[in-house]
Structure formats: structure tokens, C-alpha cells
Amino acid sequence: MGFNLKKRLSSFFKQKTPEVPLLDRLENLIESEQSLTKNQESSDHGELALVSNVLGLKDLTAADIMVPRADIVAAKSDTTLDRFIEIFSQSHFSQIPIYNNTLDDIVGIVRAMDFVVYIKNPESFNLSQLLKDVIYVVPSIQLPELLVEIKSSVNHMALVVDEFGGVDGLVTLQDVVSEIVGEIQQSRDIFPQVISRQDGSFLADAKMLLGEFEEILGVDLTKPFVVEGEEPDVETLGGLAMLLAGRMPTRGETLLHPSGIEFEIVDADPRRVKRIIVRQPQPETPGQAT
């Protein structure tokens, strides 16, 4: 019997196991299907595409969710055992890529658990015996296909490479699952996209469509950025924040819109803005200097 993801997800959300995090349950569901045949995995792709269309995941790619190159934790092939133990202890990652001279020359992946045997027998340490195969994906691969690729690999990790073979980023099964969980939660209205606060400001999900938020404020937020009749290519609040900053904004940063509206980034990571506090300018009181 093939991997009927739609049916499995339906039963999955009916499970009354609040003590098990949603992220862990979904990841376990995906991992439990590792014994599928190639023909069945072909069926998987169709099921994943069907569900992902409903969730809007087909519009997301590896480039959208990957850990950027600058943030990848990796180690050189001549790294010592002590240094490996230090890296895993500090990063808390279960596996990392290994490279020769540069990150573009990856030779494999190592898992933290495989180093345990050498702690009491360090003289027998041999990195080459620990290396696992790497899978590579292009930045434009869509999330459903990326999920199929990663879940079929032993390490549940893929490196995102450009057309010249250079490493652009890294993506894991947990990255994909986290994105799916976020989309599922939004689609089920677990969290409201915007909350009106007592001080008159708004706490908004950065994925909220800009047009919907403009209706709430009664302000055309893209108008100041129209050039020669062309509006900027911005669809969400997060996209507007990037437009205002001219880059990926950081947590705690406050951005000022030409209208006087302030956008405070309250939650973000190196890849995306997550939540924003929006404050409208205070109306002038009678007698206040202009």
C-alpha cells in the first residue's frame, strides 16, 4: 500500500497526544515511511503534491528555507577528535558536513553518535570510516520534491548548490518539517495572523498578505515605492520589511516607513522575518508644534 500522506495527515491531527510536540509527531510520521519501494515513492510524490497544493507549499523552494552558507556549521577533513567533540557539544547538531579545503569541496557527512566509540579509544579514530554520502539539490527545488529527496536519504540532510557546484546552503528534514508545520498551523487558524494590542499597535505574522494588512490600517504601504508606474514586487509584511531595510532585517530592529509607521522586528532568523510589531504615528494634539 502506498504512502497516502493526505489520509495519514488527517489521522495525524486527530491524535490526542499534546505531550508530543507537533513538529516531532510530523517528523516521526515522515520517517516511519522509509521502507517504501521506488514505485511507492512515485506515488508519494503525487500525494505530497496534492497536500502541498492545499497548504500552499508548492510556492516554497529550498532557497526559501535553507540555512545560508555563512551559517553552516561544518568541519575540515583534518579536524581532530577533540575538536569534533567540541563542535558537536557547542552546536548541539546531530550531524555536520565535512570538507577538504573549502565548503565547495564536501567529502561527506558525519554523525555525532558515531564518535562515541572513539572517546575511550581515541588512537583508533579514523574519520574516513565515519563519512556518509551527501545528497545535493538545486535552490529552485520545490518543498514537496525536497521532502521526498531528504526523507529517502540516510542522513536527512541535503546541500543546496548553484549551477557551478558551489554550496549555497544546507537543508535538513527538520527544516522542511518546520516549514510544513508552520503552514499547517496557519491554514488551521491556530494562530491569528494579526493581533490588536492595547497600546494601539499590531502584532502581525510576517507572512500576512500586505493587501490584507493595508485594509486594516487604511494605508497604501507600497505607494511610496512605486517607480515609473511600477509597484514593488512585495506581497507580504515580511517582504515590506526587507524592502524598507534593503536587506534581511534582524530581530530587535525598528524600520521607519515614509508614512511614519514603525515596523519593529520581534522575531526573525537569518533566513526570514517571522513576526512584526506595527506602530502607527501618534496623532498631533491641539497646540502641538508642527
Protein backbone atom coordinates (compact mmCIF):
# COMPACT_ATOMS: atom_id res chain seq x y z
CA MET A 1 0.00 0.00 0.00
CA GLY A 2 1.43 3.41 -0.98
CA PHE A 3 2.16 6.34 1.26
CA ASN A 4 -1.22 8.09 1.48
CA LEU A 5 0.01 11.31 3.02
CA LYS A 6 -3.37 13.00 2.84
CA LYS A 7 -5.03 10.24 4.84
CA ARG A 8 -2.10 9.97 7.26
CA LEU A 9 -2.06 13.72 7.93
CA SER A 10 -5.80 13.66 8.54
CA SER A 11 -5.48 10.96 11.19
CA PHE A 12 -2.28 12.56 12.45
CA PHE A 13 -4.01 15.77 13.53
CA LYS A 14 -6.75 13.80 15.28
CA GLN A 15 -4.21 12.23 17.64
CA LYS A 16 -4.73 13.45 21.18
CA THR A 17 -1.10 13.49 22.22
CA PRO A 18 -0.46 17.04 23.44
CA GLU A 19 2.63 15.90 25.29
CA VAL A 20 4.33 15.16 21.96
CA PRO A 21 5.20 18.36 20.04
CA LEU A 22 3.54 18.79 16.65
CA LEU A 23 6.93 19.07 14.97
CA ASP A 24 8.12 15.75 16.42
CA ARG A 25 4.92 13.93 15.52
CA LEU A 26 5.05 15.06 11.90
CA GLU A 27 8.73 14.23 11.59
CA ASN A 28 8.11 10.76 13.04
CA LEU A 29 5.26 10.25 10.59
CA ILE A 30 7.53 11.02 7.65
CA GLU A 31 10.42 8.92 8.95
CA SER A 32 8.12 5.92 9.50
CA GLU A 33 7.74 5.58 5.72
CA GLN A 34 11.42 4.88 4.97
CA SER A 35 10.81 1.31 3.74
CA LEU A 36 8.79 2.32 0.66
CA THR A 37 9.69 0.89 -2.73
CA LYS A 38 10.61 3.10 -5.68
CA ASN A 39 7.16 2.62 -7.21
CA GLN A 40 5.55 3.62 -3.96
CA GLU A 41 7.75 6.68 -3.72
CA SER A 42 6.48 7.70 -7.13
CA SER A 43 3.02 7.60 -5.57
CA ASP A 44 4.36 9.60 -2.62
CA HIS A 45 5.25 12.44 -4.90
CA GLY A 46 1.66 12.73 -6.09
CA GLU A 47 0.26 12.60 -2.57
CA LEU A 48 2.75 15.18 -1.34
CA ALA A 49 1.98 17.46 -4.25
CA LEU A 50 -1.76 17.16 -3.58
CA VAL A 51 -1.46 18.08 0.10
CA SER A 52 1.19 20.73 -0.51
CA ASN A 53 -1.06 22.48 -3.03
CA VAL A 54 -3.70 22.82 -0.34
CA LEU A 55 -1.18 24.18 2.13
CA GLY A 56 0.48 26.50 -0.37
CA LEU A 57 3.82 24.70 -0.01
CA LYS A 58 4.34 24.37 -3.75
CA ASP A 59 5.41 28.01 -3.85
CA LEU A 60 8.29 27.43 -1.42
CA THR A 61 11.72 26.22 -2.50
CA ALA A 62 14.94 25.03 -0.89
CA ALA A 63 16.30 28.56 -1.20
CA ASP A 64 13.43 29.81 0.99
CA ILE A 65 14.13 27.53 3.95
CA MET A 66 17.82 26.62 3.72
CA VAL A 67 20.47 27.58 6.26
CA PRO A 68 22.61 30.05 4.29
CA ARG A 69 26.22 29.19 3.53
CA ALA A 70 27.56 31.69 6.08
CA ASP A 71 25.65 29.95 8.89
CA ILE A 72 26.56 26.34 8.05
CA VAL A 73 28.43 24.52 10.81
CA ALA A 74 30.97 22.23 9.14
CA ALA A 75 34.46 20.82 9.77
CA LYS A 76 37.59 20.20 7.72
CA SER A 77 38.64 16.66 6.96
CA ASP A 78 41.78 17.05 9.09
CA THR A 79 39.83 18.05 12.22
CA THR A 80 40.92 16.23 15.39
CA LEU A 81 38.67 14.03 17.51
CA ASP A 82 38.77 16.51 20.40
CA ARG A 83 37.73 19.33 18.09
CA PHE A 84 34.83 17.27 16.70
CA ILE A 85 33.56 16.59 20.21
CA GLU A 86 33.82 20.32 20.95
CA ILE A 87 31.92 21.24 17.76
CA PHE A 88 29.07 18.85 18.48
CA SER A 89 28.89 19.92 22.13
CA GLN A 90 28.67 23.60 21.26
CA SER A 91 26.36 23.37 18.25
CA HIS A 92 24.06 20.60 19.56
CA PHE A 93 23.72 19.35 15.98
CA SER A 94 23.41 15.61 15.37
CA GLN A 95 25.42 15.75 12.12
CA ILE A 96 27.60 18.13 10.14
CA PRO A 97 29.21 18.25 6.67
CA ILE A 98 32.93 17.58 6.20
CA TYR A 99 35.02 19.35 3.55
CA ASN A 100 38.62 19.26 2.28
CA ASN A 101 39.80 22.79 1.51
CA THR A 102 36.63 24.82 1.11
CA LEU A 103 32.93 24.30 1.73
CA ASP A 104 32.53 23.71 -2.01
CA ASP A 105 34.59 20.51 -1.64
CA ILE A 106 32.33 18.41 0.59
CA VAL A 107 33.50 14.84 1.16
CA GLY A 108 30.68 13.57 3.33
CA ILE A 109 28.60 13.96 6.46
CA VAL A 110 29.42 12.69 9.96
CA ARG A 111 27.02 11.96 12.80
CA ALA A 112 27.70 12.81 16.43
CA MET A 113 26.63 9.35 17.59
CA ASP A 114 29.41 7.71 15.56
CA PHE A 115 32.10 9.45 17.63
CA VAL A 116 31.06 7.87 20.92
CA VAL A 117 33.02 4.69 20.29
CA TYR A 118 36.26 6.69 19.98
CA ILE A 119 36.00 8.54 23.29
CA LYS A 120 37.60 5.65 25.19
CA ASN A 121 39.73 4.60 22.24
CA PRO A 122 40.93 7.86 20.60
CA GLU A 123 44.01 6.33 18.95
CA SER A 124 41.78 4.31 16.61
CA PHE A 125 39.95 7.38 15.33
CA ASN A 126 39.52 7.24 11.56
CA LEU A 127 37.31 9.90 10.02
CA SER A 128 37.07 8.23 6.63
CA GLN A 129 35.19 5.32 8.20
CA LEU A 130 32.51 7.66 9.51
CA LEU A 131 31.74 9.60 6.32
CA LYS A 132 28.21 9.25 4.96
CA ASP A 133 27.05 10.13 1.47
CA VAL A 134 25.79 13.63 0.69
CA ILE A 135 22.81 14.50 -1.49
CA TYR A 136 22.66 17.73 -3.46
CA VAL A 137 19.64 19.75 -4.55
CA VAL A 138 19.19 22.94 -6.57
CA PRO A 139 17.89 26.11 -4.89
CA SER A 140 14.72 26.06 -7.01
CA ILE A 141 13.54 22.58 -5.96
CA GLN A 142 10.04 22.89 -4.51
CA LEU A 143 9.23 21.77 -0.99
CA PRO A 144 7.24 18.62 -1.91
CA GLU A 145 10.09 17.25 -4.05
CA LEU A 146 12.64 18.35 -1.48
CA LEU A 147 10.79 16.39 1.20
CA VAL A 148 10.85 13.26 -0.98
CA GLU A 149 14.59 13.68 -1.61
CA ILE A 150 15.52 14.25 2.02
CA LYS A 151 13.36 11.55 3.56
CA SER A 152 14.84 9.00 1.16
CA SER A 153 18.40 9.82 2.27
CA VAL A 154 20.09 8.17 5.23
CA ASN A 155 21.16 11.45 6.79
CA HIS A 156 18.02 13.53 6.20
CA MET A 157 20.24 16.37 5.08
CA ALA A 158 20.91 17.96 1.69
CA LEU A 159 23.31 20.60 0.45
CA VAL A 160 21.88 23.29 -1.82
CA VAL A 161 24.24 24.02 -4.72
CA ASP A 162 24.28 26.57 -7.53
CA GLU A 163 24.80 25.92 -11.23
CA PHE A 164 28.58 25.88 -10.75
CA GLY A 165 28.50 23.35 -7.93
CA GLY A 166 29.14 25.89 -5.20
CA VAL A 167 27.37 25.37 -1.89
CA ASP A 168 24.66 27.97 -1.28
CA GLY A 169 23.15 26.46 1.83
CA LEU A 170 22.06 23.41 3.77
CA VAL A 171 18.62 21.99 4.50
CA THR A 172 17.54 19.19 6.83
CA LEU A 173 14.39 17.17 7.28
CA GLN A 174 13.62 19.24 10.37
CA ASP A 175 13.82 22.46 8.31
CA VAL A 176 11.26 21.08 5.86
CA VAL A 177 9.00 19.73 8.58
CA SER A 178 9.18 23.02 10.50
CA GLU A 179 8.00 24.88 7.40
CA ILE A 180 5.17 22.40 6.83
CA VAL A 181 4.07 22.69 10.45
CA GLY A 182 4.05 26.46 10.16
CA GLU A 183 1.88 26.33 7.03
CA ILE A 184 -0.47 23.76 8.60
CA GLN A 185 -0.87 25.87 11.71
CA GLN A 186 -1.68 28.92 9.61
CA SER A 187 -4.14 27.00 7.45
CA ARG A 188 -5.94 25.72 10.56
CA ASP A 189 -6.06 29.20 12.14
CA ILE A 190 -4.21 28.00 15.24
CA PHE A 191 -2.60 31.42 15.47
CA PRO A 192 -4.26 34.64 14.26
CA GLN A 193 -2.23 36.50 11.64
CA VAL A 194 -2.66 39.83 13.36
CA ILE A 195 -3.43 40.82 16.95
CA SER A 196 -4.55 44.29 18.01
CA ARG A 197 -2.67 45.34 21.15
CA GLN A 198 -3.82 47.60 23.99
CA ASP A 199 -1.40 50.38 23.04
CA GLY A 200 -2.93 50.61 19.56
CA SER A 201 -0.13 48.73 17.82
CA PHE A 202 -0.46 45.42 15.96
CA LEU A 203 1.46 42.17 16.37
CA ALA A 204 1.43 40.59 12.91
CA ASP A 205 2.69 37.45 11.23
CA ALA A 206 5.28 38.47 8.63
CA LYS A 207 3.62 36.09 6.15
CA MET A 208 0.41 38.10 6.24
CA LEU A 209 -0.54 39.44 2.83
CA LEU A 210 0.29 43.11 2.54
CA GLY A 211 -3.06 43.93 0.92
CA GLU A 212 -4.96 42.47 3.88
CA PHE A 213 -2.92 44.49 6.35
CA GLU A 214 -3.33 47.66 4.29
CA GLU A 215 -7.10 47.25 4.64
CA ILE A 216 -6.73 47.18 8.43
CA LEU A 217 -4.57 50.32 8.51
CA GLY A 218 -6.32 52.11 5.65
CA VAL A 219 -2.89 53.00 4.21
CA ASP A 220 -1.26 52.15 0.88
CA LEU A 221 2.10 50.93 2.14
CA THR A 222 3.65 50.35 -1.31
CA LYS A 223 2.74 53.73 -2.83
CA PRO A 224 5.97 55.49 -1.75
CA PHE A 225 7.98 52.83 -3.59
CA VAL A 226 6.21 52.99 -6.94
CA VAL A 227 8.74 53.80 -9.68
CA GLU A 228 7.58 54.84 -13.15
CA GLY A 229 4.16 53.36 -12.52
CA GLU A 230 5.57 50.00 -11.39
CA GLU A 231 4.79 48.78 -7.89
CA PRO A 232 7.49 46.92 -5.94
CA ASP A 233 7.41 43.11 -6.02
CA VAL A 234 6.23 42.76 -2.42
CA GLU A 235 3.35 40.57 -1.27
CA THR A 236 3.79 40.15 2.49
CA LEU A 237 4.63 42.22 5.57
CA GLY A 238 7.98 40.43 5.75
CA GLY A 239 8.69 41.45 2.18
CA LEU A 240 7.87 45.06 3.02
CA ALA A 241 10.27 44.91 5.98
CA MET A 242 13.04 43.67 3.66
CA LEU A 243 12.21 46.47 1.21
CA LEU A 244 12.47 49.08 3.97
CA ALA A 245 15.76 47.68 5.29
CA GLY A 246 17.28 46.98 1.88
CA ARG A 247 18.39 43.60 3.26
CA MET A 248 17.24 40.89 5.67
CA PRO A 249 16.31 42.79 8.86
CA THR A 250 17.38 41.48 12.25
CA ARG A 251 15.47 40.83 15.46
CA GLY A 252 15.02 43.98 17.54
CA GLU A 253 15.47 46.31 14.57
CA THR A 254 12.93 49.10 14.01
CA LEU A 255 12.23 50.26 10.46
CA LEU A 256 10.54 53.56 9.63
CA HIS A 257 8.08 53.70 6.74
CA PRO A 258 7.79 57.02 4.79
CA SER A 259 4.26 57.34 6.19
CA GLY A 260 5.68 57.44 9.71
CA ILE A 261 4.57 53.91 10.55
CA GLU A 262 7.16 51.90 12.52
CA PHE A 263 7.88 48.22 11.93
CA GLU A 264 9.67 46.52 14.83
CA ILE A 265 11.10 43.09 14.06
CA VAL A 266 10.33 40.96 17.11
CA ASP A 267 11.10 37.53 15.68
CA ALA A 268 13.46 36.67 12.82
CA ASP A 269 16.28 34.34 11.86
CA PRO A 270 18.99 34.66 9.18
CA ARG A 271 16.55 33.37 6.55
CA ARG A 272 13.27 35.16 7.19
CA VAL A 273 11.26 37.63 9.22
CA LYS A 274 8.62 35.91 11.38
CA ARG A 275 6.72 38.46 13.48
CA ILE A 276 6.47 42.24 13.40
CA ILE A 277 5.01 44.89 15.69
CA VAL A 278 3.47 47.71 13.64
CA ARG A 279 3.00 51.13 15.27
CA GLN A 280 1.14 53.97 13.62
CA PRO A 281 2.30 57.56 14.19
CA GLN A 282 0.61 59.29 17.10
CA PRO A 283 -1.88 62.00 16.07
CA GLU A 284 -0.84 65.51 16.91
CA THR A 285 -2.56 67.06 19.92
CA PRO A 286 -4.04 70.61 19.74
CA GLY A 287 -1.38 73.22 20.25
CA GLN A 288 1.44 70.82 19.43
CA ALA A 289 4.19 72.34 17.30
CA THR A 290 4.23 71.25 13.68
